[in-house]
Amino acid sequence: MTSSEDNKEEGPSKEEESSKEKEPPKEEEKKVEKKKKIKKKKGKKGKKGYRQENPEANLRVTLPYKPKGEMFAVAETFQGGSRLQLICEDGERRMGRIPGKLRRRMWVRENDLLIVVPWSFQDSKADVKFRYTPTQTSNLKRRGKIPEILDIY
């Protein structure tokens, strides 16, 4: 036998071996690249897993529903026991009350803008329904929704 025949019987030549060795790493690299492309960027999540894309973009806010008697009011002073003095948009001062189901959820400070509902049987008192954040208040002022009597912002 000749030396070339010996090489054929032994297996592929060195060139063929080197080409086979190079191919698998390329496939592995492609898989790694694909894995990197598949991974999505994870942003910070706010409370309870909700994403806050832009907290300043409060485009829609609830407005007082006039047929139910709701109106704007400003918290003037606190009396204690979830009661506060309000200046309402109709010009009257009322004693405001934060209902039980909102006591722990709604933290009201002085000069906050609120939505209140006057009591039907005692007009000098009202229930607090909603509190606007400072950002929401500035947006409402810019759009001209806040009456002039309450415009302390």
N, C-alpha and C. Protein backbone atom coordinates (compact mmCIF):
# COMPACT_ATOMS: atom_id res chain seq x y z
N MET A 1 0.83 -1.18 0.00
CA MET A 1 0.00 0.00 0.00
C MET A 1 0.87 1.25 0.00
N THR A 2 0.30 2.23 -0.59
CA THR A 2 1.02 3.49 -0.62
C THR A 2 0.63 4.33 0.57
N SER A 3 1.34 5.39 0.79
CA SER A 3 1.06 6.26 1.93
C SER A 3 -0.26 6.98 1.77
N SER A 4 -0.66 7.31 0.55
CA SER A 4 -1.93 8.00 0.33
C SER A 4 -3.10 7.07 0.63
N GLU A 5 -2.94 5.79 0.32
CA GLU A 5 -4.00 4.83 0.61
C GLU A 5 -4.12 4.65 2.12
N ASP A 6 -3.02 4.70 2.83
CA ASP A 6 -3.04 4.57 4.29
C ASP A 6 -3.85 5.71 4.91
N ASN A 7 -3.67 6.90 4.40
CA ASN A 7 -4.40 8.06 4.92
C ASN A 7 -5.90 7.93 4.71
N LYS A 8 -6.30 7.38 3.57
CA LYS A 8 -7.72 7.22 3.28
C LYS A 8 -8.35 6.21 4.22
N GLU A 9 -7.62 5.18 4.54
CA GLU A 9 -8.16 4.17 5.43
C GLU A 9 -8.26 4.69 6.85
N GLU A 10 -7.31 5.50 7.26
CA GLU A 10 -7.31 6.02 8.61
C GLU A 10 -8.45 6.99 8.86
N GLY A 11 -8.84 7.73 7.91
CA GLY A 11 -9.92 8.69 8.08
C GLY A 11 -9.68 9.91 7.24
N PRO A 12 -10.40 10.94 7.50
CA PRO A 12 -10.27 12.15 6.69
C PRO A 12 -8.94 12.84 6.95
N SER A 13 -8.55 13.65 5.98
CA SER A 13 -7.28 14.35 6.10
C SER A 13 -7.37 15.46 7.15
N LYS A 14 -6.25 16.07 7.44
CA LYS A 14 -6.19 17.13 8.45
C LYS A 14 -7.02 18.34 8.05
N GLU A 15 -7.06 18.64 6.76
CA GLU A 15 -7.85 19.78 6.28
C GLU A 15 -9.33 19.56 6.53
N GLU A 16 -9.81 18.35 6.24
CA GLU A 16 -11.23 18.04 6.44
C GLU A 16 -11.58 18.09 7.93
N GLU A 17 -10.68 17.62 8.78
CA GLU A 17 -10.92 17.64 10.22
C GLU A 17 -11.03 19.08 10.73
N SER A 18 -10.15 19.94 10.26
CA SER A 18 -10.16 21.32 10.73
C SER A 18 -11.43 22.03 10.26
N SER A 19 -11.94 21.71 9.09
CA SER A 19 -13.16 22.35 8.59
C SER A 19 -14.38 21.88 9.41
N LYS A 20 -14.38 20.61 9.82
CA LYS A 20 -15.49 20.10 10.63
C LYS A 20 -15.47 20.72 12.02
N GLU A 21 -14.27 20.93 12.55
CA GLU A 21 -14.17 21.52 13.87
C GLU A 21 -14.64 22.96 13.87
N LYS A 22 -14.45 23.68 12.81
CA LYS A 22 -14.84 25.08 12.74
C LYS A 22 -16.36 25.25 12.63
N GLU A 23 -17.03 24.34 12.00
CA GLU A 23 -18.47 24.47 11.79
C GLU A 23 -19.28 24.46 13.08
N PRO A 24 -19.08 23.49 13.98
CA PRO A 24 -19.90 23.49 15.19
C PRO A 24 -19.80 24.76 16.04
N PRO A 25 -18.62 25.33 16.21
CA PRO A 25 -18.59 26.57 16.99
C PRO A 25 -19.42 27.68 16.34
N LYS A 26 -19.46 27.75 15.03
CA LYS A 26 -20.27 28.76 14.36
C LYS A 26 -21.75 28.58 14.71
N GLU A 27 -22.21 27.35 14.70
CA GLU A 27 -23.61 27.08 15.04
C GLU A 27 -23.89 27.47 16.49
N GLU A 28 -22.97 27.17 17.38
CA GLU A 28 -23.14 27.53 18.79
C GLU A 28 -23.17 29.04 18.96
N GLU A 29 -22.31 29.74 18.22
CA GLU A 29 -22.29 31.19 18.29
C GLU A 29 -23.61 31.77 17.81
N LYS A 30 -24.16 31.19 16.76
CA LYS A 30 -25.45 31.66 16.25
C LYS A 30 -26.53 31.48 17.30
N LYS A 31 -26.51 30.35 17.98
CA LYS A 31 -27.51 30.09 19.03
C LYS A 31 -27.38 31.10 20.15
N VAL A 32 -26.14 31.40 20.53
CA VAL A 32 -25.90 32.37 21.60
C VAL A 32 -26.39 33.75 21.16
N GLU A 33 -26.13 34.12 19.90
CA GLU A 33 -26.58 35.42 19.39
C GLU A 33 -28.10 35.49 19.39
N LYS A 34 -28.76 34.40 19.00
CA LYS A 34 -30.21 34.37 18.99
C LYS A 34 -30.76 34.53 20.39
N LYS A 35 -30.13 33.87 21.36
CA LYS A 35 -30.58 33.98 22.74
C LYS A 35 -30.46 35.42 23.23
N LYS A 36 -29.40 36.09 22.85
CA LYS A 36 -29.22 37.48 23.26
C LYS A 36 -30.29 38.37 22.65
N LYS A 37 -30.66 38.11 21.42
CA LYS A 37 -31.68 38.92 20.75
C LYS A 37 -33.06 38.68 21.34
N ILE A 38 -33.32 37.48 21.79
CA ILE A 38 -34.64 37.12 22.32
C ILE A 38 -34.89 37.79 23.67
N LYS A 39 -33.86 37.98 24.47
CA LYS A 39 -34.04 38.56 25.80
C LYS A 39 -34.60 39.98 25.68
N LYS A 40 -35.64 40.24 26.43
CA LYS A 40 -36.27 41.56 26.43
C LYS A 40 -35.73 42.37 27.59
N LYS A 41 -35.69 43.67 27.39
CA LYS A 41 -35.24 44.54 28.46
C LYS A 41 -36.35 44.66 29.49
N LYS A 42 -35.98 44.53 30.72
CA LYS A 42 -36.95 44.64 31.80
C LYS A 42 -36.79 46.00 32.45
N GLY A 43 -37.89 46.75 32.49
CA GLY A 43 -37.86 48.06 33.14
C GLY A 43 -38.23 47.93 34.60
N LYS A 44 -38.07 49.01 35.33
CA LYS A 44 -38.46 48.99 36.74
C LYS A 44 -39.96 48.98 36.85
N LYS A 45 -40.45 48.18 37.74
CA LYS A 45 -41.89 48.10 37.94
C LYS A 45 -42.24 48.85 39.21
N GLY A 46 -43.40 49.47 39.20
CA GLY A 46 -43.86 50.19 40.37
C GLY A 46 -44.54 49.27 41.35
N LYS A 47 -45.34 49.82 42.20
CA LYS A 47 -46.04 49.05 43.22
C LYS A 47 -47.02 48.09 42.56
N LYS A 48 -47.11 46.89 43.07
CA LYS A 48 -48.00 45.83 42.60
C LYS A 48 -47.70 45.39 41.16
N GLY A 49 -46.47 45.60 40.69
CA GLY A 49 -46.07 45.06 39.40
C GLY A 49 -46.49 45.89 38.20
N TYR A 50 -47.12 47.03 38.38
CA TYR A 50 -47.52 47.84 37.25
C TYR A 50 -46.34 48.67 36.78
N ARG A 51 -46.22 48.81 35.48
CA ARG A 51 -45.13 49.62 34.94
C ARG A 51 -45.57 51.08 34.90
N GLN A 52 -44.69 51.94 35.29
CA GLN A 52 -44.95 53.37 35.21
C GLN A 52 -44.15 53.91 34.04
N GLU A 53 -44.80 54.05 32.89
CA GLU A 53 -44.08 54.52 31.72
C GLU A 53 -43.76 56.00 31.84
N ASN A 54 -44.77 56.80 32.19
CA ASN A 54 -44.54 58.23 32.38
C ASN A 54 -45.50 58.73 33.44
N PRO A 55 -45.05 58.85 34.69
CA PRO A 55 -45.97 59.25 35.75
C PRO A 55 -46.51 60.66 35.59
N GLU A 56 -45.84 61.50 34.80
CA GLU A 56 -46.29 62.87 34.61
C GLU A 56 -47.46 62.96 33.63
N ALA A 57 -47.69 61.92 32.86
CA ALA A 57 -48.73 61.97 31.82
C ALA A 57 -50.09 61.54 32.37
N ASN A 58 -50.69 62.42 33.16
CA ASN A 58 -52.04 62.18 33.65
C ASN A 58 -53.00 62.91 32.73
N LEU A 59 -53.32 62.30 31.62
CA LEU A 59 -54.14 62.97 30.64
C LEU A 59 -55.61 62.98 31.05
N ARG A 60 -56.07 61.92 31.64
CA ARG A 60 -57.47 61.83 32.03
C ARG A 60 -57.59 61.77 33.54
N VAL A 61 -58.32 62.72 34.06
CA VAL A 61 -58.58 62.74 35.50
C VAL A 61 -60.10 62.83 35.69
N THR A 62 -60.55 62.34 36.81
CA THR A 62 -61.99 62.39 37.07
C THR A 62 -62.38 63.82 37.43
N LEU A 63 -63.51 64.24 36.91
CA LEU A 63 -64.05 65.57 37.19
C LEU A 63 -65.32 65.40 38.00
N PRO A 64 -65.73 66.43 38.73
CA PRO A 64 -66.97 66.31 39.52
C PRO A 64 -68.18 66.08 38.62
N TYR A 65 -69.04 65.16 39.04
CA TYR A 65 -70.26 64.83 38.29
C TYR A 65 -71.38 65.70 38.85
N LYS A 66 -71.72 66.76 38.13
CA LYS A 66 -72.66 67.78 38.62
C LYS A 66 -74.05 67.25 38.93
N PRO A 67 -74.61 66.30 38.12
CA PRO A 67 -75.96 65.81 38.47
C PRO A 67 -76.06 65.14 39.84
N LYS A 68 -74.96 64.57 40.33
CA LYS A 68 -74.97 63.96 41.67
C LYS A 68 -74.64 64.97 42.75
N GLY A 69 -74.33 66.22 42.37
CA GLY A 69 -74.03 67.25 43.35
C GLY A 69 -72.56 67.35 43.70
N GLU A 70 -71.70 66.66 43.00
CA GLU A 70 -70.27 66.72 43.30
C GLU A 70 -69.70 68.07 42.88
N MET A 71 -68.70 68.55 43.64
CA MET A 71 -68.07 69.83 43.33
C MET A 71 -66.63 69.84 43.80
N PHE A 72 -65.88 70.82 43.29
CA PHE A 72 -64.50 71.00 43.73
C PHE A 72 -64.51 71.64 45.11
N ALA A 73 -63.46 71.36 45.89
CA ALA A 73 -63.26 72.00 47.19
C ALA A 73 -61.77 71.97 47.51
N VAL A 74 -61.37 72.87 48.41
CA VAL A 74 -59.98 72.91 48.86
C VAL A 74 -59.96 72.66 50.35
N ALA A 75 -59.06 71.79 50.81
CA ALA A 75 -58.92 71.50 52.24
C ALA A 75 -58.25 72.69 52.90
N GLU A 76 -58.95 73.30 53.87
CA GLU A 76 -58.42 74.49 54.52
C GLU A 76 -57.67 74.13 55.81
N THR A 77 -58.37 73.56 56.78
CA THR A 77 -57.74 73.16 58.04
C THR A 77 -58.27 71.80 58.47
N PHE A 78 -57.53 71.16 59.37
CA PHE A 78 -57.94 69.86 59.88
C PHE A 78 -58.51 70.02 61.28
N GLN A 79 -59.58 69.29 61.55
CA GLN A 79 -60.23 69.34 62.85
C GLN A 79 -59.90 68.12 63.70
N GLY A 80 -59.40 67.09 63.10
CA GLY A 80 -59.09 65.84 63.82
C GLY A 80 -60.18 64.82 63.59
N GLY A 81 -59.84 63.56 63.71
CA GLY A 81 -60.81 62.49 63.54
C GLY A 81 -61.36 62.40 62.13
N SER A 82 -60.50 62.53 61.14
CA SER A 82 -60.83 62.47 59.71
C SER A 82 -61.86 63.52 59.30
N ARG A 83 -61.85 64.65 59.99
CA ARG A 83 -62.71 65.77 59.62
C ARG A 83 -61.84 66.97 59.25
N LEU A 84 -62.31 67.76 58.32
CA LEU A 84 -61.56 68.91 57.88
C LEU A 84 -62.49 70.03 57.44
N GLN A 85 -61.99 71.24 57.46
CA GLN A 85 -62.74 72.41 57.01
C GLN A 85 -62.47 72.60 55.52
N LEU A 86 -63.54 72.77 54.73
CA LEU A 86 -63.43 72.88 53.28
C LEU A 86 -63.93 74.24 52.80
N ILE A 87 -63.33 74.72 51.72
CA ILE A 87 -63.87 75.85 50.99
C ILE A 87 -64.36 75.28 49.67
N CYS A 88 -65.67 75.32 49.44
CA CYS A 88 -66.26 74.71 48.25
C CYS A 88 -66.37 75.71 47.11
N GLU A 89 -66.59 75.20 45.91
CA GLU A 89 -66.63 76.07 44.74
C GLU A 89 -67.87 76.97 44.71
N ASP A 90 -68.92 76.64 45.48
CA ASP A 90 -70.10 77.52 45.53
C ASP A 90 -69.93 78.65 46.54
N GLY A 91 -68.74 78.75 47.17
CA GLY A 91 -68.43 79.85 48.08
C GLY A 91 -68.69 79.54 49.54
N GLU A 92 -69.25 78.40 49.86
CA GLU A 92 -69.56 78.07 51.25
C GLU A 92 -68.41 77.32 51.91
N ARG A 93 -68.35 77.47 53.23
CA ARG A 93 -67.41 76.67 54.03
C ARG A 93 -68.22 75.51 54.60
N ARG A 94 -67.66 74.31 54.46
CA ARG A 94 -68.33 73.12 54.96
C ARG A 94 -67.37 72.30 55.81
N MET A 95 -67.98 71.51 56.69
CA MET A 95 -67.21 70.53 57.45
C MET A 95 -67.12 69.28 56.57
N GLY A 96 -65.91 68.88 56.20
CA GLY A 96 -65.72 67.72 55.36
C GLY A 96 -65.40 66.49 56.19
N ARG A 97 -65.77 65.34 55.67
CA ARG A 97 -65.53 64.08 56.38
C ARG A 97 -64.97 63.09 55.37
N ILE A 98 -63.90 62.40 55.76
CA ILE A 98 -63.34 61.35 54.91
C ILE A 98 -64.03 60.05 55.32
N PRO A 99 -64.79 59.42 54.42
CA PRO A 99 -65.51 58.18 54.78
C PRO A 99 -64.56 57.06 55.18
N GLY A 100 -65.10 56.09 55.92
CA GLY A 100 -64.30 55.01 56.48
C GLY A 100 -63.51 54.22 55.46
N LYS A 101 -64.10 53.93 54.30
CA LYS A 101 -63.39 53.09 53.34
C LYS A 101 -62.24 53.83 52.66
N LEU A 102 -62.19 55.16 52.78
CA LEU A 102 -61.11 55.92 52.17
C LEU A 102 -60.10 56.45 53.19
N ARG A 103 -60.32 56.23 54.48
CA ARG A 103 -59.47 56.83 55.51
C ARG A 103 -58.00 56.46 55.37
N ARG A 104 -57.72 55.20 55.16
CA ARG A 104 -56.32 54.77 55.09
C ARG A 104 -55.73 54.93 53.70
N ARG A 105 -56.58 54.98 52.69
CA ARG A 105 -56.10 55.10 51.32
C ARG A 105 -55.84 56.55 50.91
N MET A 106 -56.65 57.45 51.41
CA MET A 106 -56.59 58.84 50.97
C MET A 106 -55.96 59.71 52.05
N TRP A 107 -54.75 60.17 51.79
CA TRP A 107 -54.06 61.04 52.72
C TRP A 107 -54.20 62.46 52.21
N VAL A 108 -54.97 63.26 52.91
CA VAL A 108 -55.26 64.62 52.49
C VAL A 108 -54.40 65.59 53.30
N ARG A 109 -53.82 66.56 52.62
CA ARG A 109 -53.05 67.61 53.26
C ARG A 109 -53.76 68.94 53.05
N GLU A 110 -53.34 69.96 53.78
CA GLU A 110 -53.93 71.28 53.60
C GLU A 110 -53.62 71.78 52.19
N ASN A 111 -54.58 72.52 51.64
CA ASN A 111 -54.51 73.10 50.29
C ASN A 111 -54.58 72.05 49.18
N ASP A 112 -55.01 70.84 49.47
CA ASP A 112 -55.24 69.84 48.43
C ASP A 112 -56.57 70.12 47.75
N LEU A 113 -56.62 69.85 46.45
CA LEU A 113 -57.87 69.97 45.69
C LEU A 113 -58.63 68.66 45.81
N LEU A 114 -59.91 68.75 46.12
CA LEU A 114 -60.75 67.57 46.37
C LEU A 114 -62.03 67.63 45.57
N ILE A 115 -62.67 66.48 45.43
CA ILE A 115 -64.06 66.42 44.98
C ILE A 115 -64.89 66.04 46.19
N VAL A 116 -65.92 66.83 46.48
CA VAL A 116 -66.77 66.57 47.64
C VAL A 116 -68.23 66.50 47.21
N VAL A 117 -69.04 65.85 48.06
CA VAL A 117 -70.48 65.76 47.84
C VAL A 117 -71.17 66.29 49.10
N PRO A 118 -71.87 67.44 49.01
CA PRO A 118 -72.58 67.95 50.18
C PRO A 118 -73.71 67.00 50.60
N TRP A 119 -73.96 66.92 51.90
CA TRP A 119 -75.03 66.07 52.39
C TRP A 119 -76.37 66.68 51.98
N SER A 120 -77.31 65.83 51.63
CA SER A 120 -78.62 66.32 51.18
C SER A 120 -79.46 66.83 52.35
N PHE A 121 -79.27 66.30 53.55
CA PHE A 121 -80.10 66.67 54.69
C PHE A 121 -79.42 67.69 55.60
N GLN A 122 -78.13 67.94 55.41
CA GLN A 122 -77.42 68.93 56.21
C GLN A 122 -76.38 69.58 55.31
N ASP A 123 -76.71 70.75 54.79
CA ASP A 123 -75.90 71.37 53.75
C ASP A 123 -74.55 71.87 54.25
N SER A 124 -74.37 71.98 55.55
CA SER A 124 -73.11 72.51 56.08
C SER A 124 -72.03 71.43 56.20
N LYS A 125 -72.34 70.20 55.78
CA LYS A 125 -71.36 69.11 55.85
C LYS A 125 -71.26 68.43 54.48
N ALA A 126 -70.10 67.77 54.25
CA ALA A 126 -69.87 67.12 52.96
C ALA A 126 -68.94 65.92 53.14
N ASP A 127 -69.03 64.98 52.22
CA ASP A 127 -68.15 63.82 52.18
C ASP A 127 -67.09 64.03 51.10
N VAL A 128 -65.87 63.62 51.40
CA VAL A 128 -64.78 63.70 50.43
C VAL A 128 -64.84 62.45 49.55
N LYS A 129 -64.82 62.65 48.23
CA LYS A 129 -64.87 61.53 47.29
C LYS A 129 -63.52 61.24 46.64
N PHE A 130 -62.76 62.28 46.35
CA PHE A 130 -61.54 62.09 45.56
C PHE A 130 -60.54 63.19 45.90
N ARG A 131 -59.25 62.86 45.87
CA ARG A 131 -58.18 63.85 46.08
C ARG A 131 -57.30 63.87 44.84
N TYR A 132 -57.02 65.07 44.35
CA TYR A 132 -56.13 65.24 43.20
C TYR A 132 -54.68 65.35 43.67
N THR A 133 -53.78 64.76 42.89
CA THR A 133 -52.35 64.90 43.15
C THR A 133 -51.91 66.29 42.69
N PRO A 134 -50.76 66.78 43.14
CA PRO A 134 -50.30 68.10 42.69
C PRO A 134 -50.15 68.20 41.16
N THR A 135 -49.72 67.13 40.52
CA THR A 135 -49.58 67.13 39.07
C THR A 135 -50.94 67.25 38.40
N GLN A 136 -51.91 66.49 38.89
CA GLN A 136 -53.26 66.57 38.34
C GLN A 136 -53.85 67.96 38.53
N THR A 137 -53.58 68.55 39.70
CA THR A 137 -54.09 69.90 39.99
C THR A 137 -53.50 70.91 39.02
N SER A 138 -52.20 70.82 38.76
CA SER A 138 -51.58 71.78 37.83
C SER A 138 -52.12 71.59 36.41
N ASN A 139 -52.38 70.35 36.02
CA ASN A 139 -52.96 70.10 34.70
C ASN A 139 -54.37 70.68 34.60
N LEU A 140 -55.17 70.52 35.65
CA LEU A 140 -56.53 71.08 35.65
C LEU A 140 -56.48 72.61 35.59
N LYS A 141 -55.55 73.20 36.30
CA LYS A 141 -55.43 74.66 36.29
C LYS A 141 -55.04 75.14 34.90
N ARG A 142 -54.11 74.45 34.28
CA ARG A 142 -53.66 74.83 32.95
C ARG A 142 -54.78 74.73 31.93
N ARG A 143 -55.66 73.75 32.09
CA ARG A 143 -56.80 73.59 31.18
C ARG A 143 -57.98 74.47 31.54
N GLY A 144 -57.91 75.16 32.69
CA GLY A 144 -58.98 76.08 33.07
C GLY A 144 -60.20 75.41 33.66
N LYS A 145 -60.05 74.27 34.29
CA LYS A 145 -61.18 73.53 34.87
C LYS A 145 -61.49 73.95 36.31
N ILE A 146 -60.51 74.54 37.00
CA ILE A 146 -60.70 74.91 38.39
C ILE A 146 -61.40 76.28 38.46
N PRO A 147 -62.47 76.42 39.24
CA PRO A 147 -63.14 77.72 39.35
C PRO A 147 -62.24 78.77 40.01
N GLU A 148 -62.51 80.04 39.71
CA GLU A 148 -61.66 81.13 40.20
C GLU A 148 -61.65 81.24 41.72
N ILE A 149 -62.76 80.91 42.35
CA ILE A 149 -62.84 81.04 43.81
C ILE A 149 -61.85 80.10 44.52
N LEU A 150 -61.51 79.00 43.86
CA LEU A 150 -60.57 78.02 44.45
C LEU A 150 -59.17 78.14 43.87
N ASP A 151 -58.95 79.07 42.99
CA ASP A 151 -57.69 79.12 42.26
C ASP A 151 -56.58 79.70 43.15
N ILE A 152 -56.09 78.89 44.10
CA ILE A 152 -54.99 79.30 44.97
C ILE A 152 -53.67 78.73 44.47
N TYR A 153 -53.70 78.05 43.35
CA TYR A 153 -52.50 77.41 42.81
C TYR A 153 -51.87 78.35 41.83
